[in-house]
């Protein structure tokens, strides 16, 4: 199996290297090699951690297949190979995105994209010997038209699917039923209110999310408003507000029935991005929204999130980036797929920091750190994990 995975990666590199001579500047190849250490590689609870060394090999192939004044076809393929020391496990991931942009006239644009992802699920305490993968696809269609310098409209549709190689057992006789189909549509109008500094985006959105078997799903719709204000020459402030209705659909042996889920209510986001100096960029955002659940017992969840990030060029060749994200996920009783009133709250903090030294336009060295803690005050269910890697990046 390992030989087949390496053969696949080498074949991709060989094909791309051959194509590079034909396409010249229309293709970019990046190769990341990252050895590292993970102090809780199976994401186990406190006191049960297992550390391991590992190696990541990531190849990114970004190519423009066709381009003219009216259309552009591009594709990006990025396989990732991971080897883990503790159990000699080899894992292969795939990410492939294809985009087509077409301009029927100078005021209208049609964008179509398709993304395909295959990932291996990392084992946990429960299924450490399992070999489970999932496949996810997302297709987006967007049409935009500019009526004038101050007025434009955007219409979009999305189809998203996820399919697991195995339906995992959650508890007792209940399975996760994690496969789903999701459809969404939106239409927005963008209007310039004041002198290229204040913009208003408003519109409507609708989504339908359905899981397989008897799990059910949810659907909802809302009215969307966004104000974007350009502060001077270096900052952008955005205020977003949705007001709509979310309904959780529960399905069981007695047939399909609905709950109000989150009912009528708002979602919102506030963000500020700034270029404080020639070398320093910062970002800050806080938000609240209802999204699909990552835990099989609930079909959706309410998420409060705060994020801060910064990027600083220490020297012309040395740069650093850091970010911190704090998330509060609330699984309400109305979202419980079994209608038993089960609730849960997860507090998750994630910290990221990396340093990159650009040797020249083709070569770079990097150090990366990522740490997270979930429910740190819970002595039974609390989880902490830290990863440190050093890497080398080659760009052609």
Protein backbone atom coordinates (compact mmCIF):
# COMPACT_ATOMS: atom_id res chain seq x y z
CA UNK A 1 0.00 0.00 0.00
CA UNK A 2 2.81 2.40 0.86
CA UNK A 3 4.53 1.71 -2.47
CA UNK A 4 1.31 2.47 -4.36
CA UNK A 5 0.88 5.79 -2.54
CA UNK A 6 4.42 6.89 -3.29
CA UNK A 7 4.07 5.77 -6.89
CA UNK A 8 0.93 7.88 -7.22
CA UNK A 9 2.67 10.99 -5.87
CA UNK A 10 5.72 10.51 -8.04
CA UNK A 11 3.53 9.99 -11.09
CA UNK A 12 1.74 13.30 -10.42
CA UNK A 13 5.06 15.10 -10.08
CA UNK A 14 6.33 13.55 -13.28
CA UNK A 15 3.27 14.57 -15.26
CA UNK A 16 3.37 18.09 -13.89
CA UNK A 17 7.09 18.47 -14.54
CA UNK A 18 6.48 17.48 -18.15
CA UNK A 19 3.60 19.92 -18.44
CA UNK A 20 5.65 22.71 -16.91
CA UNK A 21 7.82 22.96 -20.00
CA UNK A 22 4.73 23.37 -22.19
CA UNK A 23 2.75 25.80 -20.07
CA UNK A 24 5.64 27.94 -18.77
CA UNK A 25 4.19 30.59 -16.40
CA UNK A 26 0.66 29.11 -16.50
CA UNK A 27 1.48 26.50 -13.86
CA UNK A 28 2.80 26.76 -10.30
CA UNK A 29 4.12 23.74 -8.40
CA UNK A 30 4.74 23.79 -4.66
CA UNK A 31 6.17 21.01 -2.56
CA UNK A 32 6.12 21.05 1.26
CA UNK A 33 8.12 18.62 3.38
CA UNK A 34 7.22 18.88 7.08
CA UNK A 35 8.57 16.56 9.81
CA UNK A 36 7.03 17.22 13.21
CA UNK A 37 5.85 16.03 16.61
CA UNK A 38 2.27 15.73 17.92
CA UNK A 39 1.84 15.28 21.69
CA UNK A 40 -1.73 13.88 21.42
CA UNK A 41 -1.94 12.38 17.98
CA UNK A 42 -5.19 10.48 18.62
CA UNK A 43 -6.95 13.50 20.24
CA UNK A 44 -7.51 11.61 23.49
CA UNK A 45 -8.84 13.01 26.74
CA UNK A 46 -6.60 14.32 29.51
CA UNK A 47 -4.34 11.65 31.00
CA UNK A 48 -4.65 9.32 27.99
CA UNK A 49 -2.48 11.22 25.49
CA UNK A 50 -0.12 9.47 23.09
CA UNK A 51 2.64 11.42 21.34
CA UNK A 52 4.24 10.60 18.00
CA UNK A 53 6.63 11.90 15.39
CA UNK A 54 5.23 12.24 11.88
CA UNK A 55 6.10 13.48 8.39
CA UNK A 56 3.87 15.40 5.97
CA UNK A 57 4.57 15.57 2.24
CA UNK A 58 2.29 18.04 0.45
CA UNK A 59 2.29 18.74 -3.29
CA UNK A 60 0.27 21.62 -4.77
CA UNK A 61 -0.26 21.91 -8.53
CA UNK A 62 -2.02 25.08 -9.68
CA UNK A 63 -2.55 25.45 -13.44
CA UNK A 64 -4.41 27.72 -15.86
CA UNK A 65 -5.65 25.33 -18.54
CA UNK A 66 -7.23 27.90 -20.83
CA UNK A 67 -7.42 31.68 -20.82
CA UNK A 68 -8.78 34.45 -23.04
CA UNK A 69 -10.42 37.85 -22.60
CA UNK A 70 -13.80 36.23 -21.88
CA UNK A 71 -13.02 32.97 -20.12
CA UNK A 72 -10.54 31.28 -17.82
CA UNK A 73 -10.32 27.62 -16.84
CA UNK A 74 -8.05 26.71 -13.94
CA UNK A 75 -7.45 23.71 -11.71
CA UNK A 76 -5.64 23.02 -8.45
CA UNK A 77 -4.71 19.55 -7.21
CA UNK A 78 -3.05 18.99 -3.84
CA UNK A 79 -2.33 15.47 -2.57
CA UNK A 80 -0.95 15.09 0.96
CA UNK A 81 0.88 12.06 2.32
CA UNK A 82 1.29 11.58 6.09
CA UNK A 83 3.42 8.97 7.82
CA UNK A 84 3.01 8.42 11.55
CA UNK A 85 5.82 6.86 13.60
CA UNK A 86 3.88 5.39 16.51
CA UNK A 87 1.98 2.79 14.47
CA UNK A 88 3.72 3.09 11.07
CA UNK A 89 0.45 4.39 9.64
CA UNK A 90 0.42 5.94 6.15
CA UNK A 91 -2.42 8.23 5.12
CA UNK A 92 -3.17 9.85 1.76
CA UNK A 93 -5.43 12.87 1.27
CA UNK A 94 -6.70 14.49 -1.94
CA UNK A 95 -7.92 18.03 -2.69
CA UNK A 96 -8.89 18.95 -6.23
CA UNK A 97 -10.61 22.16 -7.33
CA UNK A 98 -11.59 23.19 -10.86
CA UNK A 99 -12.86 26.69 -11.70
CA UNK A 100 -14.38 28.19 -14.83
CA UNK A 101 -15.05 31.90 -15.26
CA UNK A 102 -16.92 33.22 -18.30
CA UNK A 103 -17.80 36.81 -19.19
CA UNK A 104 -20.67 36.94 -21.73
CA UNK A 105 -20.24 40.73 -21.79
CA UNK A 106 -18.22 43.36 -19.93
CA UNK A 107 -20.92 43.74 -17.22
CA UNK A 108 -21.70 40.09 -16.46
CA UNK A 109 -19.66 37.22 -15.05
CA UNK A 110 -20.48 33.52 -14.59
CA UNK A 111 -18.34 31.49 -12.15
CA UNK A 112 -18.57 27.71 -11.81
CA UNK A 113 -16.38 25.67 -9.46
CA UNK A 114 -16.21 22.08 -8.27
CA UNK A 115 -14.20 20.87 -5.28
CA UNK A 116 -13.46 17.22 -4.46
CA UNK A 117 -11.87 16.13 -1.18
CA UNK A 118 -10.92 12.68 0.12
CA UNK A 119 -9.62 12.37 3.66
CA UNK A 120 -8.73 9.57 6.03
CA UNK A 121 -10.28 9.84 9.47
CA UNK A 122 -7.73 9.84 12.24
CA UNK A 123 -8.47 7.09 14.79
CA UNK A 124 -9.46 7.82 18.39
CA UNK A 125 -9.66 5.81 21.61
CA UNK A 126 -12.81 4.11 20.33
CA UNK A 127 -11.68 2.98 16.87
CA UNK A 128 -7.88 3.14 16.91
CA UNK A 129 -7.59 0.21 14.49
CA UNK A 130 -10.25 1.42 12.03
CA UNK A 131 -9.35 2.51 8.50
CA UNK A 132 -12.10 4.98 7.63
CA UNK A 133 -12.24 7.60 4.88
CA UNK A 134 -14.72 10.25 3.80
CA UNK A 135 -15.34 11.91 0.44
CA UNK A 136 -16.79 15.40 0.08
CA UNK A 137 -17.83 17.38 -2.99
CA UNK A 138 -18.97 20.97 -3.41
CA UNK A 139 -20.28 22.59 -6.60
CA UNK A 140 -20.84 26.36 -6.77
CA UNK A 141 -22.55 28.42 -9.45
CA UNK A 142 -22.52 32.23 -9.31
CA UNK A 143 -23.82 34.88 -11.68
CA UNK A 144 -22.99 38.55 -11.14
CA UNK A 145 -24.08 41.61 -13.12
CA UNK A 146 -22.98 45.23 -12.75
CA UNK A 147 -25.73 47.74 -13.55
CA UNK A 148 -23.57 50.77 -12.80
CA UNK A 149 -20.49 51.76 -10.84
CA UNK A 150 -22.62 51.88 -7.69
CA UNK A 151 -25.01 48.99 -8.22
CA UNK A 152 -24.54 45.25 -8.87
CA UNK A 153 -26.35 41.97 -8.17
CA UNK A 154 -25.06 38.47 -7.36
CA UNK A 155 -26.96 35.16 -7.54
CA UNK A 156 -25.45 31.95 -6.22
CA UNK A 157 -26.27 28.25 -5.76
CA UNK A 158 -24.31 25.53 -3.94
CA UNK A 159 -24.60 21.74 -3.70
CA UNK A 160 -22.51 19.96 -1.08
CA UNK A 161 -22.27 16.23 -0.29
CA UNK A 162 -20.34 14.06 2.14
CA UNK A 163 -20.05 10.28 2.16
CA UNK A 164 -18.24 8.07 4.67
CA UNK A 165 -16.67 4.72 3.77
CA UNK A 166 -18.28 3.23 6.88
CA UNK A 167 -21.33 4.18 8.96
CA UNK A 168 -19.85 4.44 12.44
CA UNK A 169 -21.64 3.23 15.56
CA UNK A 170 -22.23 6.22 17.88
CA UNK A 171 -23.75 4.54 20.95
CA UNK A 172 -25.91 1.48 21.58
CA UNK A 173 -27.68 0.70 18.30
CA UNK A 174 -27.54 4.27 16.98
CA UNK A 175 -25.23 5.00 14.05
CA UNK A 176 -23.72 8.37 13.17
CA UNK A 177 -25.43 8.50 9.74
CA UNK A 178 -22.94 11.19 8.75
CA UNK A 179 -23.59 11.12 4.97
CA UNK A 180 -25.52 14.19 3.82
CA UNK A 181 -26.66 16.39 0.94
CA UNK A 182 -26.90 20.16 1.31
CA UNK A 183 -28.43 22.69 -1.09
CA UNK A 184 -28.34 26.46 -0.71
CA UNK A 185 -29.19 29.52 -2.79
CA UNK A 186 -28.82 33.26 -2.34
CA UNK A 187 -29.36 36.52 -4.16
CA UNK A 188 -27.65 39.75 -3.06
CA UNK A 189 -27.51 43.31 -4.27
CA UNK A 190 -24.40 45.41 -3.65
CA UNK A 191 -24.85 49.17 -3.52
CA UNK A 192 -22.30 51.94 -3.02
CA UNK A 193 -23.79 54.41 -0.55
CA UNK A 194 -21.03 56.96 -0.18
CA UNK A 195 -17.95 57.90 -2.25
CA UNK A 196 -16.31 54.49 -2.50
CA UNK A 197 -16.13 54.17 1.29
CA UNK A 198 -19.52 52.85 2.43
CA UNK A 199 -21.14 49.81 0.75
CA UNK A 200 -24.40 48.02 1.56
CA UNK A 201 -25.09 44.40 0.59
CA UNK A 202 -28.58 42.99 1.17
CA UNK A 203 -30.49 39.93 0.02
CA UNK A 204 -32.06 36.60 0.92
CA UNK A 205 -30.58 33.14 1.55
CA UNK A 206 -32.05 29.64 1.91
CA UNK A 207 -30.51 26.24 2.75
CA UNK A 208 -31.63 22.62 3.10
CA UNK A 209 -29.43 19.99 4.80
CA UNK A 210 -30.50 16.32 4.86
CA UNK A 211 -28.72 13.36 6.45
CA UNK A 212 -29.14 9.73 5.40
CA UNK A 213 -31.36 7.07 7.00
CA UNK A 214 -33.37 8.23 10.05
CA UNK A 215 -31.18 11.11 11.24
CA UNK A 216 -33.20 13.93 9.64
CA UNK A 217 -31.61 17.33 9.01
CA UNK A 218 -32.51 21.00 9.04
CA UNK A 219 -33.55 23.82 6.74
CA UNK A 220 -33.88 27.55 7.02
CA UNK A 221 -33.93 30.93 5.33
CA UNK A 222 -32.96 34.45 6.24
CA UNK A 223 -32.68 38.06 5.18
CA UNK A 224 -29.07 39.23 4.91
CA UNK A 225 -27.53 42.69 5.41
CA UNK A 226 -23.89 43.74 5.33
CA UNK A 227 -22.32 47.18 5.74
CA UNK A 228 -18.70 47.64 4.69
CA UNK A 229 -16.90 50.87 5.58
CA UNK A 230 -13.40 51.77 4.38
CA UNK A 231 -11.57 53.55 7.20
CA UNK A 232 -8.95 55.82 5.69
CA UNK A 233 -6.46 54.04 3.46
CA UNK A 234 -5.71 51.01 5.59
CA UNK A 235 -8.75 49.50 7.38
CA UNK A 236 -12.05 47.85 6.45
CA UNK A 237 -14.89 47.48 8.96
CA UNK A 238 -17.74 45.06 8.16
CA UNK A 239 -21.04 44.57 10.01
CA UNK A 240 -23.15 41.58 8.92
CA UNK A 241 -26.63 40.69 10.16
CA UNK A 242 -28.93 37.83 9.21
CA UNK A 243 -32.48 37.39 10.46
CA UNK A 244 -34.29 34.18 9.66
CA UNK A 245 -35.80 30.89 10.76
CA UNK A 246 -34.09 27.52 11.37
CA UNK A 247 -36.12 24.29 11.55
CA UNK A 248 -34.72 20.92 12.65
CA UNK A 249 -36.24 17.88 10.95
CA UNK A 250 -36.27 14.70 13.03
CA UNK A 251 -37.04 11.35 11.46
CA UNK A 252 -37.78 8.10 13.26
CA UNK A 253 -39.86 4.94 13.23
CA UNK A 254 -43.02 6.99 13.81
CA UNK A 255 -42.41 9.15 10.74
CA UNK A 256 -40.99 12.60 10.11
CA UNK A 257 -41.64 15.49 12.47
CA UNK A 258 -40.20 18.96 12.97
CA UNK A 259 -39.06 21.20 15.79
CA UNK A 260 -38.44 24.92 15.62
CA UNK A 261 -34.73 24.42 16.13
CA UNK A 262 -33.38 27.89 16.75
CA UNK A 263 -36.73 29.40 15.74
CA UNK A 264 -36.79 32.97 14.50
CA UNK A 265 -33.67 34.84 15.42
CA UNK A 266 -30.56 36.71 14.30
CA UNK A 267 -27.07 35.75 13.23
CA UNK A 268 -24.33 38.34 13.05
CA UNK A 269 -20.66 39.04 12.40
CA UNK A 270 -18.39 42.03 13.04
CA UNK A 271 -14.90 42.18 11.52
CA UNK A 272 -12.07 44.72 11.26
CA UNK A 273 -9.04 44.18 9.00
CA UNK A 274 -6.20 46.69 9.02
CA UNK A 275 -2.85 47.41 7.41
CA UNK A 276 -1.29 49.16 10.39
CA UNK A 277 2.06 49.69 8.72
CA UNK A 278 4.03 48.58 5.71
CA UNK A 279 4.97 45.38 7.51
CA UNK A 280 2.01 44.70 9.83
CA UNK A 281 -1.50 43.45 9.01
CA UNK A 282 -4.12 42.56 11.64
CA UNK A 283 -7.62 41.11 11.72
CA UNK A 284 -10.34 40.82 14.35
CA UNK A 285 -13.81 39.26 14.13
CA UNK A 286 -16.67 38.05 16.35
CA UNK A 287 -19.72 36.14 15.10
CA UNK A 288 -22.77 34.03 15.93
CA UNK A 289 -24.62 31.61 13.62
CA UNK A 290 -26.47 28.28 13.45
CA UNK A 291 -24.69 25.59 11.39
CA UNK A 292 -24.76 21.83 10.82
CA UNK A 293 -23.54 19.70 13.71
CA UNK A 294 -20.19 17.93 13.93
CA UNK A 295 -21.55 15.48 16.54
CA UNK A 296 -23.97 12.71 15.54
CA UNK A 297 -26.46 13.25 18.40
CA UNK A 298 -27.53 16.68 17.08
CA UNK A 299 -28.43 17.91 13.59
CA UNK A 300 -27.30 21.52 14.10
CA UNK A 301 -25.60 23.76 16.65
CA UNK A 302 -25.27 27.43 17.64
CA UNK A 303 -21.72 28.76 17.31
CA UNK A 304 -20.21 31.86 18.93
CA UNK A 305 -16.73 32.64 17.59
CA UNK A 306 -14.01 35.23 18.19
CA UNK A 307 -10.81 35.42 16.14
CA UNK A 308 -7.72 37.62 16.10
CA UNK A 309 -4.80 37.30 13.66
CA UNK A 310 -1.69 39.20 12.64
CA UNK A 311 1.01 39.00 9.98
CA UNK A 312 4.33 40.81 10.37
CA UNK A 313 7.31 41.10 8.03
CA UNK A 314 10.28 41.05 10.41
CA UNK A 315 12.76 41.50 7.55
CA UNK A 316 12.32 41.47 3.76
CA UNK A 317 12.83 37.68 3.87
CA UNK A 318 11.50 36.69 7.31
CA UNK A 319 7.78 36.88 8.15
CA UNK A 320 5.58 35.57 10.92
CA UNK A 321 1.85 34.89 11.19
CA UNK A 322 -0.19 34.16 14.31
CA UNK A 323 -3.86 33.61 15.05
CA UNK A 324 -6.10 32.71 17.97
CA UNK A 325 -9.67 31.42 17.64
CA UNK A 326 -12.12 30.90 20.52
CA UNK A 327 -15.31 28.97 19.72
CA UNK A 328 -18.35 28.26 21.91
CA UNK A 329 -20.55 25.54 20.32
CA UNK A 330 -23.96 24.95 21.89
CA UNK A 331 -25.98 21.84 21.06
CA UNK A 332 -29.53 22.68 22.13
CA UNK A 333 -32.29 20.24 23.02
CA UNK A 334 -34.28 21.33 19.96
CA UNK A 335 -31.41 20.09 17.76
CA UNK A 336 -31.31 16.61 19.36
CA UNK A 337 -31.97 14.12 16.53
CA UNK A 338 -33.79 11.75 18.91
CA UNK A 339 -35.97 14.40 20.56
CA UNK A 340 -34.78 13.42 24.06
CA UNK A 341 -33.74 16.93 25.14
CA UNK A 342 -30.01 16.17 25.19
CA UNK A 343 -27.75 19.26 25.42
CA UNK A 344 -24.02 19.94 25.31
CA UNK A 345 -21.59 22.87 25.21
CA UNK A 346 -18.00 22.77 23.90
CA UNK A 347 -15.44 25.54 24.44
CA UNK A 348 -12.53 25.31 21.99
CA UNK A 349 -9.43 27.49 21.82
CA UNK A 350 -6.96 27.21 18.92
CA UNK A 351 -3.60 29.01 18.67
CA UNK A 352 -1.46 29.07 15.51
CA UNK A 353 1.97 30.59 14.94
CA UNK A 354 4.48 30.18 12.13
CA UNK A 355 7.71 31.72 10.91
CA UNK A 356 8.71 31.61 7.23
CA UNK A 357 12.12 32.50 5.84
CA UNK A 358 12.03 33.07 2.07
CA UNK A 359 15.49 32.11 0.86
CA UNK A 360 14.58 33.23 -2.67
CA UNK A 361 11.50 33.11 -4.91
CA UNK A 362 11.72 29.30 -5.17
CA UNK A 363 12.86 28.16 -1.73
CA UNK A 364 11.60 28.77 1.81
CA UNK A 365 12.07 27.32 5.29
CA UNK A 366 9.35 27.37 7.94
CA UNK A 367 8.49 26.55 11.55
CA UNK A 368 4.84 25.95 12.47
CA UNK A 369 3.04 25.50 15.78
CA UNK A 370 -0.61 24.69 16.40
CA UNK A 371 -2.19 24.04 19.78
CA UNK A 372 -5.78 23.60 20.86
CA UNK A 373 -7.68 22.93 24.07
CA UNK A 374 -11.32 21.81 24.26
CA UNK A 375 -13.25 22.10 27.52
CA UNK A 376 -10.06 22.66 29.55
CA UNK A 377 -12.00 22.89 32.84
CA UNK A 378 -13.51 19.41 32.34
CA UNK A 379 -11.21 16.88 34.01
CA UNK A 380 -13.01 13.95 32.32
CA UNK A 381 -13.76 15.17 28.78
CA UNK A 382 -11.10 17.88 28.39
CA UNK A 383 -8.74 17.51 25.42
CA UNK A 384 -5.46 19.33 24.67
CA UNK A 385 -3.22 18.85 21.63
CA UNK A 386 -0.04 20.52 20.38
CA UNK A 387 1.76 20.10 17.05
CA UNK A 388 5.19 21.44 16.04
CA UNK A 389 6.66 21.08 12.55
CA UNK A 390 9.69 22.34 10.67
CA UNK A 391 9.44 22.47 6.91
CA UNK A 392 10.90 23.24 3.54
CA UNK A 393 8.90 24.65 0.60
CA UNK A 394 9.90 24.45 -3.05
CA UNK A 395 8.03 26.58 -5.60
CA UNK A 396 8.41 26.18 -9.37
